[in-house]
Amino acid sequence: MAQKNCWEVENCGLQPGGERVGELGVCPAAEPSDYDGINRGTHGGRFCWAITNTLCGGKPQGTFAQKLMTCLDCEFMKQVHEEEERNFVLSPKDAEA
């Protein structure tokens, strides 16, 4: 069963068809990718911290390494970690395993 994705929890409007797409474009976490299903999300919606240039805060956030410390304080990431428990996937390297 899929859990809520970042755009559903954060109500950012940056998913396909979202109300802010015309302003900022679709967030890379909401676009089809190899990360579909990671942490039971759609596309990268529950793996957003690992996706380059997600649009948190309305601007591109950089690479996994550049934004990880900020993401570790994110309530959404903490929620996913709690929901996934031992199955939680943190990094792109873990996703390949």
PDB file of N, CA and C in Angstrom:
ATOM      1  N   MET A   1       0.832  -1.185   0.000  1.00  0.00           N
ATOM      2  CA  MET A   1       0.000   0.000   0.000  1.00  0.00           C
ATOM      3  C   MET A   1       0.881   1.253   0.000  1.00  0.00           C
ATOM      4  N   ALA A   2       0.638   2.151  -0.913  1.00  0.00           N
ATOM      5  CA  ALA A   2       1.406   3.390  -0.988  1.00  0.00           C
ATOM      6  C   ALA A   2       1.001   4.323   0.155  1.00  0.00           C
ATOM      7  N   GLN A   3       1.977   4.993   0.686  1.00  0.00           N
ATOM      8  CA  GLN A   3       1.773   5.989   1.734  1.00  0.00           C
ATOM      9  C   GLN A   3       1.710   7.363   1.089  1.00  0.00           C
ATOM     10  N   LYS A   4       1.448   8.399   1.864  1.00  0.00           N
ATOM     11  CA  LYS A   4       1.400   9.756   1.320  1.00  0.00           C
ATOM     12  C   LYS A   4       2.785  10.204   0.879  1.00  0.00           C
ATOM     13  N   ASN A   5       2.814  10.879  -0.253  1.00  0.00           N
ATOM     14  CA  ASN A   5       4.040  11.424  -0.826  1.00  0.00           C
ATOM     15  C   ASN A   5       4.279  12.831  -0.295  1.00  0.00           C
ATOM     16  N   CYS A   6       5.492  13.330  -0.491  1.00  0.00           N
ATOM     17  CA  CYS A   6       5.858  14.644   0.055  1.00  0.00           C
ATOM     18  C   CYS A   6       4.903  15.737  -0.398  1.00  0.00           C
ATOM     19  N   TRP A   7       4.523  15.773  -1.671  1.00  0.00           N
ATOM     20  CA  TRP A   7       3.653  16.841  -2.155  1.00  0.00           C
ATOM     21  C   TRP A   7       2.261  16.765  -1.540  1.00  0.00           C
ATOM     22  N   GLU A   8       1.829  15.579  -1.133  1.00  0.00           N
ATOM     23  CA  GLU A   8       0.533  15.441  -0.479  1.00  0.00           C
ATOM     24  C   GLU A   8       0.594  15.934   0.966  1.00  0.00           C
ATOM     25  N   VAL A   9       1.685  15.678   1.628  1.00  0.00           N
ATOM     26  CA  VAL A   9       1.851  16.094   3.021  1.00  0.00           C
ATOM     27  C   VAL A   9       2.174  17.584   3.102  1.00  0.00           C
ATOM     28  N   GLU A  10       3.061  18.044   2.255  1.00  0.00           N
ATOM     29  CA  GLU A  10       3.507  19.436   2.298  1.00  0.00           C
ATOM     30  C   GLU A  10       2.569  20.399   1.563  1.00  0.00           C
ATOM     31  N   ASN A  11       1.657  19.868   0.752  1.00  0.00           N
ATOM     32  CA  ASN A  11       0.714  20.696  -0.018  1.00  0.00           C
ATOM     33  C   ASN A  11       1.426  21.794  -0.814  1.00  0.00           C
ATOM     34  N   CYS A  12       2.516  21.421  -1.477  1.00  0.00           N
ATOM     35  CA  CYS A  12       3.327  22.395  -2.208  1.00  0.00           C
ATOM     36  C   CYS A  12       2.733  22.776  -3.562  1.00  0.00           C
ATOM     37  N   GLY A  13       1.889  21.912  -4.145  1.00  0.00           N
ATOM     38  CA  GLY A  13       1.300  22.203  -5.446  1.00  0.00           C
ATOM     39  C   GLY A  13       2.264  22.025  -6.603  1.00  0.00           C
ATOM     40  N   LEU A  14       3.338  21.254  -6.410  1.00  0.00           N
ATOM     41  CA  LEU A  14       4.353  21.093  -7.456  1.00  0.00           C
ATOM     42  C   LEU A  14       4.345  19.709  -8.089  1.00  0.00           C
ATOM     43  N   GLN A  15       3.283  18.950  -7.875  1.00  0.00           N
ATOM     44  CA  GLN A  15       3.093  17.670  -8.538  1.00  0.00           C
ATOM     45  C   GLN A  15       2.404  17.916  -9.884  1.00  0.00           C
ATOM     46  N   PRO A  16       2.442  16.967 -10.826  1.00  0.00           N
ATOM     47  CA  PRO A  16       1.753  17.168 -12.099  1.00  0.00           C
ATOM     48  C   PRO A  16       0.305  17.594 -11.857  1.00  0.00           C
ATOM     49  N   GLY A  17      -0.084  18.675 -12.511  1.00  0.00           N
ATOM     50  CA  GLY A  17      -1.430  19.221 -12.344  1.00  0.00           C
ATOM     51  C   GLY A  17      -1.597  20.104 -11.120  1.00  0.00           C
ATOM     52  N   GLY A  18      -0.532  20.282 -10.349  1.00  0.00           N
ATOM     53  CA  GLY A  18      -0.598  21.092  -9.139  1.00  0.00           C
ATOM     54  C   GLY A  18      -0.763  22.575  -9.442  1.00  0.00           C
ATOM     55  N   GLU A  19      -1.300  23.306  -8.460  1.00  0.00           N
ATOM     56  CA  GLU A  19      -1.607  24.721  -8.666  1.00  0.00           C
ATOM     57  C   GLU A  19      -0.387  25.624  -8.816  1.00  0.00           C
ATOM     58  N   ARG A  20       0.814  25.168  -8.454  1.00  0.00           N
ATOM     59  CA  ARG A  20       2.008  26.006  -8.579  1.00  0.00           C
ATOM     60  C   ARG A  20       2.949  25.560  -9.697  1.00  0.00           C
ATOM     61  N   VAL A  21       2.542  24.581 -10.480  1.00  0.00           N
ATOM     62  CA  VAL A  21       3.399  24.075 -11.552  1.00  0.00           C
ATOM     63  C   VAL A  21       3.710  25.159 -12.582  1.00  0.00           C
ATOM     64  N   GLY A  22       2.748  26.005 -12.913  1.00  0.00           N
ATOM     65  CA  GLY A  22       2.986  27.075 -13.882  1.00  0.00           C
ATOM     66  C   GLY A  22       4.032  28.065 -13.410  1.00  0.00           C
ATOM     67  N   GLU A  23       4.154  28.206 -12.122  1.00  0.00           N
ATOM     68  CA  GLU A  23       5.100  29.142 -11.505  1.00  0.00           C
ATOM     69  C   GLU A  23       6.512  28.555 -11.402  1.00  0.00           C
ATOM     70  N   LEU A  24       6.614  27.304 -10.948  1.00  0.00           N
ATOM     71  CA  LEU A  24       7.918  26.704 -10.648  1.00  0.00           C
ATOM     72  C   LEU A  24       8.243  25.435 -11.428  1.00  0.00           C
ATOM     73  N   GLY A  25       7.271  24.868 -12.113  1.00  0.00           N
ATOM     74  CA  GLY A  25       7.461  23.591 -12.790  1.00  0.00           C
ATOM     75  C   GLY A  25       7.156  22.435 -11.847  1.00  0.00           C
ATOM     76  N   VAL A  26       7.224  21.231 -12.377  1.00  0.00           N
ATOM     77  CA  VAL A  26       6.971  20.034 -11.583  1.00  0.00           C
ATOM     78  C   VAL A  26       8.239  19.696 -10.813  1.00  0.00           C
ATOM     79  N   CYS A  27       8.080  19.395  -9.543  1.00  0.00           N
ATOM     80  CA  CYS A  27       9.215  19.006  -8.708  1.00  0.00           C
ATOM     81  C   CYS A  27       9.760  17.658  -9.191  1.00  0.00           C
ATOM     82  N   PRO A  28      11.075  17.506  -9.238  1.00  0.00           N
ATOM     83  CA  PRO A  28      11.654  16.229  -9.666  1.00  0.00           C
ATOM     84  C   PRO A  28      11.189  15.034  -8.834  1.00  0.00           C
ATOM     85  N   ALA A  29      10.823  15.232  -7.586  1.00  0.00           N
ATOM     86  CA  ALA A  29      10.342  14.122  -6.759  1.00  0.00           C
ATOM     87  C   ALA A  29       8.997  13.598  -7.246  1.00  0.00           C
ATOM     88  N   ALA A  30       8.236  14.433  -7.947  1.00  0.00           N
ATOM     89  CA  ALA A  30       6.906  14.056  -8.415  1.00  0.00           C
ATOM     90  C   ALA A  30       6.908  13.520  -9.844  1.00  0.00           C
ATOM     91  N   GLU A  31       8.066  13.480 -10.480  1.00  0.00           N
ATOM     92  CA  GLU A  31       8.160  12.983 -11.847  1.00  0.00           C
ATOM     93  C   GLU A  31       8.542  11.502 -11.857  1.00  0.00           C
ATOM     94  N   PRO A  32       8.119  10.769 -12.879  1.00  0.00           N
ATOM     95  CA  PRO A  32       8.496   9.357 -12.965  1.00  0.00           C
ATOM     96  C   PRO A  32      10.008   9.188 -12.878  1.00  0.00           C
ATOM     97  N   SER A  33      10.425   8.178 -12.117  1.00  0.00           N
ATOM     98  CA  SER A  33      11.857   7.940 -11.940  1.00  0.00           C
ATOM     99  C   SER A  33      12.101   6.497 -11.536  1.00  0.00           C
ATOM    100  N   ASP A  34      13.356   6.163 -11.404  1.00  0.00           N
ATOM    101  CA  ASP A  34      13.737   4.828 -10.938  1.00  0.00           C
ATOM    102  C   ASP A  34      13.403   4.633  -9.466  1.00  0.00           C
ATOM    103  N   TYR A  35      12.980   5.698  -8.793  1.00  0.00           N
ATOM    104  CA  TYR A  35      12.708   5.624  -7.362  1.00  0.00           C
ATOM    105  C   TYR A  35      11.247   5.310  -7.044  1.00  0.00           C
ATOM    106  N   ASP A  36      10.459   5.008  -8.052  1.00  0.00           N
ATOM    107  CA  ASP A  36       9.061   4.648  -7.826  1.00  0.00           C
ATOM    108  C   ASP A  36       8.989   3.434  -6.903  1.00  0.00           C
ATOM    109  N   GLY A  37       8.235   3.553  -5.842  1.00  0.00           N
ATOM    110  CA  GLY A  37       8.065   2.457  -4.901  1.00  0.00           C
ATOM    111  C   GLY A  37       9.015   2.493  -3.712  1.00  0.00           C
ATOM    112  N   ILE A  38      10.066   3.305  -3.778  1.00  0.00           N
ATOM    113  CA  ILE A  38      10.991   3.398  -2.638  1.00  0.00           C
ATOM    114  C   ILE A  38      10.214   3.958  -1.447  1.00  0.00           C
ATOM    115  N   ASN A  39      10.353   3.342  -0.313  1.00  0.00           N
ATOM    116  CA  ASN A  39       9.634   3.717   0.908  1.00  0.00           C
ATOM    117  C   ASN A  39       8.118   3.765   0.679  1.00  0.00           C
ATOM    118  N   ARG A  40       7.640   2.934  -0.264  1.00  0.00           N
ATOM    119  CA  ARG A  40       6.225   2.806  -0.606  1.00  0.00           C
ATOM    120  C   ARG A  40       5.617   4.082  -1.183  1.00  0.00           C
ATOM    121  N   GLY A  41       6.441   4.860  -1.882  1.00  0.00           N
ATOM    122  CA  GLY A  41       5.957   6.103  -2.474  1.00  0.00           C
ATOM    123  C   GLY A  41       5.746   6.005  -3.967  1.00  0.00           C
ATOM    124  N   THR A  42       5.148   7.061  -4.515  1.00  0.00           N
ATOM    125  CA  THR A  42       4.959   7.195  -5.952  1.00  0.00           C
ATOM    126  C   THR A  42       6.082   8.073  -6.489  1.00  0.00           C
ATOM    127  N   HIS A  43       6.718   7.621  -7.560  1.00  0.00           N
ATOM    128  CA  HIS A  43       7.889   8.301  -8.122  1.00  0.00           C
ATOM    129  C   HIS A  43       8.905   8.465  -6.994  1.00  0.00           C
ATOM    130  N   GLY A  44       9.347   9.668  -6.689  1.00  0.00           N
ATOM    131  CA  GLY A  44      10.283   9.884  -5.587  1.00  0.00           C
ATOM    132  C   GLY A  44       9.628  10.558  -4.398  1.00  0.00           C
ATOM    133  N   GLY A  45       8.330  10.412  -4.277  1.00  0.00           N
ATOM    134  CA  GLY A  45       7.560  11.136  -3.276  1.00  0.00           C
ATOM    135  C   GLY A  45       7.824  10.769  -1.835  1.00  0.00           C
ATOM    136  N   ARG A  46       8.495   9.647  -1.601  1.00  0.00           N
ATOM    137  CA  ARG A  46       8.889   9.286  -0.238  1.00  0.00           C
ATOM    138  C   ARG A  46      10.393   9.006  -0.189  1.00  0.00           C
ATOM    139  N   PHE A  47      11.094   9.676  -1.107  1.00  0.00           N
ATOM    140  CA  PHE A  47      12.542   9.558  -1.220  1.00  0.00           C
ATOM    141  C   PHE A  47      13.104  10.899  -1.703  1.00  0.00           C
ATOM    142  N   CYS A  48      12.353  11.963  -1.462  1.00  0.00           N
ATOM    143  CA  CYS A  48      12.664  13.292  -1.998  1.00  0.00           C
ATOM    144  C   CYS A  48      14.023  13.813  -1.570  1.00  0.00           C
ATOM    145  N   TRP A  49      14.461  13.478  -0.366  1.00  0.00           N
ATOM    146  CA  TRP A  49      15.762  13.939   0.140  1.00  0.00           C
ATOM    147  C   TRP A  49      16.924  13.435  -0.702  1.00  0.00           C
ATOM    148  N   ALA A  50      16.723  12.369  -1.440  1.00  0.00           N
ATOM    149  CA  ALA A  50      17.796  11.780  -2.239  1.00  0.00           C
ATOM    150  C   ALA A  50      17.772  12.244  -3.695  1.00  0.00           C
ATOM    151  N   ILE A  51      16.778  13.028  -4.056  1.00  0.00           N
ATOM    152  CA  ILE A  51      16.604  13.453  -5.439  1.00  0.00           C
ATOM    153  C   ILE A  51      17.142  14.863  -5.625  1.00  0.00           C
ATOM    154  N   THR A  52      17.990  15.034  -6.613  1.00  0.00           N
ATOM    155  CA  THR A  52      18.611  16.325  -6.896  1.00  0.00           C
ATOM    156  C   THR A  52      17.585  17.360  -7.337  1.00  0.00           C
ATOM    157  N   ASN A  53      17.753  18.554  -6.793  1.00  0.00           N
ATOM    158  CA  ASN A  53      16.985  19.742  -7.164  1.00  0.00           C
ATOM    159  C   ASN A  53      15.490  19.663  -6.896  1.00  0.00           C
ATOM    160  N   THR A  54      15.092  18.957  -5.832  1.00  0.00           N
ATOM    161  CA  THR A  54      13.689  19.040  -5.426  1.00  0.00           C
ATOM    162  C   THR A  54      13.394  20.493  -5.074  1.00  0.00           C
ATOM    163  N   LEU A  55      12.125  20.862  -5.102  1.00  0.00           N
ATOM    164  CA  LEU A  55      11.747  22.265  -4.975  1.00  0.00           C
ATOM    165  C   LEU A  55      11.203  22.639  -3.600  1.00  0.00           C
ATOM    166  N   CYS A  56      11.700  22.036  -2.555  1.00  0.00           N
ATOM    167  CA  CYS A  56      11.296  22.422  -1.203  1.00  0.00           C
ATOM    168  C   CYS A  56      11.611  23.891  -0.988  1.00  0.00           C
ATOM    169  N   GLY A  57      10.672  24.602  -0.426  1.00  0.00           N
ATOM    170  CA  GLY A  57      10.887  26.026  -0.207  1.00  0.00           C
ATOM    171  C   GLY A  57      10.813  26.855  -1.470  1.00  0.00           C
ATOM    172  N   GLY A  58      10.383  26.249  -2.578  1.00  0.00           N
ATOM    173  CA  GLY A  58      10.191  26.990  -3.814  1.00  0.00           C
ATOM    174  C   GLY A  58      11.443  27.256  -4.625  1.00  0.00           C
ATOM    175  N   LYS A  59      12.558  26.562  -4.293  1.00  0.00           N
ATOM    176  CA  LYS A  59      13.764  26.711  -5.106  1.00  0.00           C
ATOM    177  C   LYS A  59      14.528  25.395  -5.111  1.00  0.00           C
ATOM    178  N   PRO A  60      15.310  25.127  -6.164  1.00  0.00           N
ATOM    179  CA  PRO A  60      16.066  23.881  -6.228  1.00  0.00           C
ATOM    180  C   PRO A  60      16.995  23.733  -5.021  1.00  0.00           C
ATOM    181  N   GLN A  61      16.997  22.541  -4.444  1.00  0.00           N
ATOM    182  CA  GLN A  61      17.720  22.309  -3.201  1.00  0.00           C
ATOM    183  C   GLN A  61      19.081  21.645  -3.357  1.00  0.00           C
ATOM    184  N   GLY A  62      19.488  21.270  -4.541  1.00  0.00           N
ATOM    185  CA  GLY A  62      20.813  20.681  -4.737  1.00  0.00           C
ATOM    186  C   GLY A  62      20.803  19.166  -4.671  1.00  0.00           C
ATOM    187  N   THR A  63      21.986  18.611  -4.508  1.00  0.00           N
ATOM    188  CA  THR A  63      22.170  17.162  -4.516  1.00  0.00           C
ATOM    189  C   THR A  63      21.867  16.561  -3.142  1.00  0.00           C
ATOM    190  N   PHE A  64      21.818  15.259  -3.091  1.00  0.00           N
ATOM    191  CA  PHE A  64      21.629  14.518  -1.842  1.00  0.00           C
ATOM    192  C   PHE A  64      22.654  14.971  -0.802  1.00  0.00           C
ATOM    193  N   ALA A  65      23.907  15.006  -1.181  1.00  0.00           N
ATOM    194  CA  ALA A  65      24.973  15.384  -0.242  1.00  0.00           C
ATOM    195  C   ALA A  65      24.825  16.827   0.226  1.00  0.00           C
ATOM    196  N   GLN A  66      24.414  17.719  -0.661  1.00  0.00           N
ATOM    197  CA  GLN A  66      24.278  19.127  -0.305  1.00  0.00           C
ATOM    198  C   GLN A  66      23.111  19.389   0.645  1.00  0.00           C
ATOM    199  N   LYS A  67      22.051  18.630   0.526  1.00  0.00           N
ATOM    200  CA  LYS A  67      20.853  18.933   1.306  1.00  0.00           C
ATOM    201  C   LYS A  67      20.578  17.965   2.446  1.00  0.00           C
ATOM    202  N   LEU A  68      21.359  16.922   2.598  1.00  0.00           N
ATOM    203  CA  LEU A  68      21.053  15.892   3.589  1.00  0.00           C
ATOM    204  C   LEU A  68      20.911  16.435   5.008  1.00  0.00           C
ATOM    205  N   MET A  69      21.799  17.290   5.441  1.00  0.00           N
ATOM    206  CA  MET A  69      21.715  17.799   6.813  1.00  0.00           C
ATOM    207  C   MET A  69      20.407  18.564   7.041  1.00  0.00           C
ATOM    208  N   THR A  70      19.971  19.318   6.063  1.00  0.00           N
ATOM    209  CA  THR A  70      18.689  20.020   6.171  1.00  0.00           C
ATOM    210  C   THR A  70      17.553  19.009   6.189  1.00  0.00           C
ATOM    211  N   CYS A  71      17.610  18.017   5.335  1.00  0.00           N
ATOM    212  CA  CYS A  71      16.548  17.022   5.245  1.00  0.00           C
ATOM    213  C   CYS A  71      16.430  16.180   6.518  1.00  0.00           C
ATOM    214  N   LEU A  72      17.534  15.977   7.204  1.00  0.00           N
ATOM    215  CA  LEU A  72      17.475  15.204   8.443  1.00  0.00           C
ATOM    216  C   LEU A  72      16.611  15.882   9.503  1.00  0.00           C
ATOM    217  N   ASP A  73      16.402  17.192   9.374  1.00  0.00           N
ATOM    218  CA  ASP A  73      15.522  17.933  10.285  1.00  0.00           C
ATOM    219  C   ASP A  73      14.089  18.020   9.775  1.00  0.00           C
ATOM    220  N   CYS A  74      13.825  17.513   8.592  1.00  0.00           N
ATOM    221  CA  CYS A  74      12.505  17.614   7.966  1.00  0.00           C
ATOM    222  C   CYS A  74      11.503  16.668   8.639  1.00  0.00           C
ATOM    223  N   GLU A  75      10.361  17.205   9.013  1.00  0.00           N
ATOM    224  CA  GLU A  75       9.324  16.393   9.662  1.00  0.00           C
ATOM    225  C   GLU A  75       8.798  15.307   8.729  1.00  0.00           C
ATOM    226  N   PHE A  76       8.732  15.583   7.430  1.00  0.00           N
ATOM    227  CA  PHE A  76       8.264  14.566   6.482  1.00  0.00           C
ATOM    228  C   PHE A  76       9.229  13.385   6.441  1.00  0.00           C
ATOM    229  N   MET A  77      10.528  13.659   6.360  1.00  0.00           N
ATOM    230  CA  MET A  77      11.514  12.575   6.334  1.00  0.00           C
ATOM    231  C   MET A  77      11.423  11.757   7.627  1.00  0.00           C
ATOM    232  N   LYS A  78      11.270  12.418   8.745  1.00  0.00           N
ATOM    233  CA  LYS A  78      11.124  11.718  10.027  1.00  0.00           C
ATOM    234  C   LYS A  78       9.878  10.832  10.023  1.00  0.00           C
ATOM    235  N   GLN A  79       8.799  11.326   9.432  1.00  0.00           N
ATOM    236  CA  GLN A  79       7.553  10.555   9.337  1.00  0.00           C
ATOM    237  C   GLN A  79       7.762   9.297   8.500  1.00  0.00           C
ATOM    238  N   VAL A  80       8.413   9.447   7.347  1.00  0.00           N
ATOM    239  CA  VAL A  80       8.676   8.292   6.476  1.00  0.00           C
ATOM    240  C   VAL A  80       9.543   7.281   7.217  1.00  0.00           C
ATOM    241  N   HIS A  81      10.572   7.759   7.888  1.00  0.00           N
ATOM    242  CA  HIS A  81      11.457   6.863   8.645  1.00  0.00           C
ATOM    243  C   HIS A  81      10.662   6.077   9.685  1.00  0.00           C
ATOM    244  N   GLU A  82       9.785   6.745  10.398  1.00  0.00           N
ATOM    245  CA  GLU A  82       8.967   6.082  11.413  1.00  0.00           C
ATOM    246  C   GLU A  82       8.007   5.063  10.785  1.00  0.00           C
ATOM    247  N   GLU A  83       7.394   5.419   9.668  1.00  0.00           N
ATOM    248  CA  GLU A  83       6.441   4.520   9.013  1.00  0.00           C
ATOM    249  C   GLU A  83       7.117   3.302   8.400  1.00  0.00           C
ATOM    250  N   GLU A  84       8.317   3.482   7.883  1.00  0.00           N
ATOM    251  CA  GLU A  84       9.006   2.388   7.186  1.00  0.00           C
ATOM    252  C   GLU A  84       9.850   1.518   8.121  1.00  0.00           C
ATOM    253  N   GLU A  85      10.200   2.044   9.268  1.00  0.00           N
ATOM    254  CA  GLU A  85      11.000   1.325  10.261  1.00  0.00           C
ATOM    255  C   GLU A  85      12.241   0.695   9.640  1.00  0.00           C
ATOM    256  N   ARG A  86      12.379  -0.598   9.749  1.00  0.00           N
ATOM    257  CA  ARG A  86      13.589  -1.283   9.241  1.00  0.00           C
ATOM    258  C   ARG A  86      13.692  -1.294   7.728  1.00  0.00           C
ATOM    259  N   ASN A  87      12.613  -1.011   7.017  1.00  0.00           N
ATOM    260  CA  ASN A  87      12.639  -0.999   5.554  1.00  0.00           C
ATOM    261  C   ASN A  87      12.966   0.379   4.982  1.00  0.00           C
ATOM    262  N   PHE A  88      13.223   1.353   5.839  1.00  0.00           N
ATOM    263  CA  PHE A  88      13.505   2.727   5.416  1.00  0.00           C
ATOM    264  C   PHE A  88      14.744   2.781   4.528  1.00  0.00           C
ATOM    265  N   VAL A  89      14.618   3.472   3.394  1.00  0.00           N
ATOM    266  CA  VAL A  89      15.734   3.662   2.465  1.00  0.00           C
ATOM    267  C   VAL A  89      16.162   5.115   2.553  1.00  0.00           C
ATOM    268  N   LEU A  90      17.401   5.352   2.965  1.00  0.00           N
ATOM    269  CA  LEU A  90      17.924   6.698   3.156  1.00  0.00           C
ATOM    270  C   LEU A  90      18.622   7.249   1.922  1.00  0.00           C
ATOM    271  N   SER A  91      19.497   6.449   1.325  1.00  0.00           N
ATOM    272  CA  SER A  91      20.355   6.981   0.261  1.00  0.00           C
ATOM    273  C   SER A  91      20.144   6.282  -1.077  1.00  0.00           C
ATOM    274  N   PRO A  92      20.551   6.951  -2.161  1.00  0.00           N
ATOM    275  CA  PRO A  92      20.463   6.303  -3.469  1.00  0.00           C
ATOM    276  C   PRO A  92      21.244   4.991  -3.507  1.00  0.00           C
ATOM    277  N   LYS A  93      22.355   4.914  -2.803  1.00  0.00           N
ATOM    278  CA  LYS A  93      23.145   3.676  -2.761  1.00  0.00           C
ATOM    279  C   LYS A  93      22.326   2.556  -2.120  1.00  0.00           C
ATOM    280  N   ASP A  94      21.585   2.880  -1.055  1.00  0.00           N
ATOM    281  CA  ASP A  94      20.726   1.879  -0.395  1.00  0.00           C
ATOM    282  C   ASP A  94      19.604   1.418  -1.337  1.00  0.00           C
ATOM    283  N   ALA A  95      19.140   2.320  -2.195  1.00  0.00           N
ATOM    284  CA  ALA A  95      18.057   1.985  -3.120  1.00  0.00           C
ATOM    285  C   ALA A  95      18.496   0.960  -4.161  1.00  0.00           C
ATOM    286  N   GLU A  96      19.785   0.944  -4.471  1.00  0.00           N
ATOM    287  CA  GLU A  96      20.317   0.018  -5.475  1.00  0.00           C
ATOM    288  C   GLU A  96      20.439  -1.403  -4.940  1.00  0.00           C
ATOM    289  N   ALA A  97      20.507  -1.533  -3.637  1.00  0.00           N
ATOM    290  CA  ALA A  97      20.731  -2.853  -3.030  1.00  0.00           C
ATOM    291  C   ALA A  97      19.561  -3.795  -3.190  1.00  0.00           C
TER     292      ALA A  97
END
